[in-house]
Amino acid sequence: MAVEIIKTDKAPGAVGPYSQAIKDGDFLFASGQIAINPEKGKLVGGGVEAQAEQCMKNVGAILEAAGLTYDDVVKTTVYLTNINFFGTVNGVYGKYFQKTLPARSCVEIGQLPLGALVEVEVVAYCGK
C-alpha cells in the first residue's frame, strides 16, 4: 500500500521539511501540533489553556482531512514546557477524548518551536 500525505489548510502548514500527517497502511501518524492559528499563521495568545485548545483543534482538522475523528486516535504524546501545566492541559484534552481514551505520554521539555507552551502529536487507527 502506498503512503498517503495528509494536508489541510484548516491546520497550520509545516514550519519545516515535514508533512502534517502521513497515512501508511492502517495508521495515521500526525506531526506534533503547536498552537498556531491556521488563518493567521501565528501562535495564539491567552496562555497554556488557549494554546492547548488550539493544539487540539489543529489535531482535529488533520484527523478530519484523513476521514478520522478523535475516537480513532490510539496514542498521543503531549509536550509541555512546564509540567505544572499538566492539570490545565488535561482539562482541555479531556473535552476531546471522551469515548475512547488513547494511550498517552506527557513530558516536560525545555522549549518548543515559536515559544509554544504545549504540543500534541497523535497516532490514529484507520483500518476500520
Protein backbone atom coordinates (compact mmCIF):
# COMPACT_ATOMS: atom_id res chain seq x y z
CA MET A 1 0.00 0.00 0.00
CA ALA A 2 1.26 3.45 -0.88
CA VAL A 3 1.95 6.10 1.72
CA GLU A 4 -0.55 8.97 1.59
CA ILE A 5 0.35 12.51 2.63
CA ILE A 6 -2.45 14.25 4.53
CA LYS A 7 -2.63 18.02 4.17
CA THR A 8 -5.26 20.58 5.12
CA ASP A 9 -5.49 24.36 5.21
CA LYS A 10 -7.58 24.04 8.40
CA ALA A 11 -4.39 23.27 10.36
CA PRO A 12 -1.10 25.16 10.21
CA GLY A 13 1.30 24.20 7.48
CA ALA A 14 4.58 22.60 8.37
CA VAL A 15 7.24 25.02 9.64
CA GLY A 16 9.97 22.73 8.34
CA PRO A 17 10.61 19.85 5.94
CA TYR A 18 7.85 17.50 7.15
CA SER A 19 4.20 16.62 6.48
CA GLN A 20 1.20 17.46 8.64
CA ALA A 21 0.45 13.73 8.65
CA ILE A 22 1.25 10.51 6.84
CA LYS A 23 -1.19 7.66 6.37
CA ASP A 24 0.59 4.34 5.99
CA GLY A 25 -1.40 1.13 5.97
CA ASP A 26 -3.86 1.12 8.85
CA PHE A 27 -2.30 4.05 10.71
CA LEU A 28 -2.12 7.82 10.53
CA PHE A 29 0.95 9.46 12.04
CA ALA A 30 0.36 13.16 12.66
CA SER A 31 3.16 15.61 13.30
CA GLY A 32 3.05 17.47 16.59
CA GLN A 33 0.70 20.43 16.61
CA ILE A 34 1.50 23.64 18.41
CA ALA A 35 -1.00 26.46 18.91
CA ILE A 36 -0.67 28.19 15.58
CA ASN A 37 -3.93 29.67 14.33
CA PRO A 38 -4.01 28.44 10.71
CA GLU A 39 -5.89 31.52 9.46
CA LYS A 40 -3.42 34.00 10.93
CA GLY A 41 -0.28 31.87 10.84
CA LYS A 42 0.66 32.98 14.35
CA LEU A 43 0.79 31.42 17.79
CA VAL A 44 -2.38 32.15 19.78
CA GLY A 45 -2.16 34.21 22.96
CA GLY A 46 -4.04 33.61 26.17
CA GLY A 47 -1.72 31.22 27.98
CA VAL A 48 -1.49 27.46 28.15
CA GLU A 49 -5.25 26.77 28.18
CA ALA A 50 -5.83 28.71 24.96
CA GLN A 51 -2.78 27.08 23.40
CA ALA A 52 -3.92 23.57 24.37
CA GLU A 53 -7.33 24.31 22.83
CA GLN A 54 -5.74 25.43 19.55
CA CYS A 55 -3.46 22.38 19.51
CA MET A 56 -6.48 20.10 19.81
CA LYS A 57 -8.36 21.99 17.09
CA ASN A 58 -5.36 21.61 14.80
CA VAL A 59 -5.18 17.88 15.56
CA GLY A 60 -8.91 17.61 14.80
CA ALA A 61 -8.51 19.33 11.45
CA ILE A 62 -5.82 16.86 10.42
CA LEU A 63 -7.92 13.90 11.59
CA GLU A 64 -10.89 15.24 9.63
CA ALA A 65 -8.77 15.65 6.49
CA ALA A 66 -7.90 11.96 6.79
CA GLY A 67 -11.55 10.96 7.32
CA LEU A 68 -10.99 10.23 11.02
CA THR A 69 -12.14 11.52 14.40
CA TYR A 70 -10.68 11.78 17.88
CA ASP A 71 -12.22 8.36 18.57
CA ASP A 72 -9.78 6.84 16.08
CA VAL A 73 -6.72 8.08 18.00
CA VAL A 74 -4.82 5.26 19.71
CA LYS A 75 -1.74 7.11 21.03
CA THR A 76 -0.87 10.69 21.90
CA THR A 77 2.23 12.43 23.09
CA VAL A 78 1.89 15.76 24.88
CA TYR A 79 4.92 18.00 25.29
CA LEU A 80 4.82 20.74 27.94
CA THR A 81 7.39 23.44 28.60
CA ASN A 82 6.36 23.30 32.28
CA ILE A 83 4.98 20.16 33.94
CA ASN A 84 2.84 22.42 36.13
CA PHE A 85 0.66 22.91 33.02
CA PHE A 86 -0.37 19.24 33.30
CA GLY A 87 -3.74 19.80 35.01
CA THR A 88 -4.79 22.66 32.76
CA VAL A 89 -3.88 20.77 29.59
CA ASN A 90 -5.68 17.66 30.90
CA GLY A 91 -8.84 19.73 31.28
CA VAL A 92 -8.74 20.78 27.64
CA TYR A 93 -7.56 17.38 26.37
CA GLY A 94 -10.40 15.60 28.19
CA LYS A 95 -13.01 17.56 26.23
CA TYR A 96 -11.77 15.96 23.02
CA PHE A 97 -11.15 12.39 24.20
CA GLN A 98 -14.24 11.11 25.98
CA LYS A 99 -15.44 7.91 24.29
CA THR A 100 -12.10 6.29 23.53
CA LEU A 101 -9.14 7.24 25.72
CA PRO A 102 -5.90 6.75 23.79
CA ALA A 103 -2.64 5.67 25.37
CA ARG A 104 -0.62 8.78 26.22
CA SER A 105 2.79 10.04 27.19
CA CYS A 106 3.24 13.52 28.65
CA VAL A 107 6.67 15.03 29.14
CA GLU A 108 8.22 18.32 30.11
CA ILE A 109 10.76 19.66 27.64
CA GLY A 110 12.99 22.72 27.50
CA GLN A 111 11.49 24.59 24.55
CA LEU A 112 9.04 24.26 21.70
CA PRO A 113 9.11 25.99 18.32
CA LEU A 114 7.98 29.64 18.23
CA GLY A 115 7.83 29.80 22.04
CA ALA A 116 4.80 27.49 22.25
CA LEU A 117 3.87 26.14 25.69
CA VAL A 118 2.32 22.83 24.57
CA GLU A 119 2.47 20.46 21.60
CA VAL A 120 0.28 17.45 20.85
CA GLU A 121 1.00 14.64 18.41
CA VAL A 122 -1.22 11.67 17.63
CA VAL A 123 -1.29 8.25 16.02
CA ALA A 124 -4.69 7.09 14.78
CA TYR A 125 -6.02 3.77 13.55
CA CYS A 126 -7.73 4.00 10.18
CA GLY A 127 -8.16 0.33 9.33
CA LYS A 128 -11.90 0.10 10.00
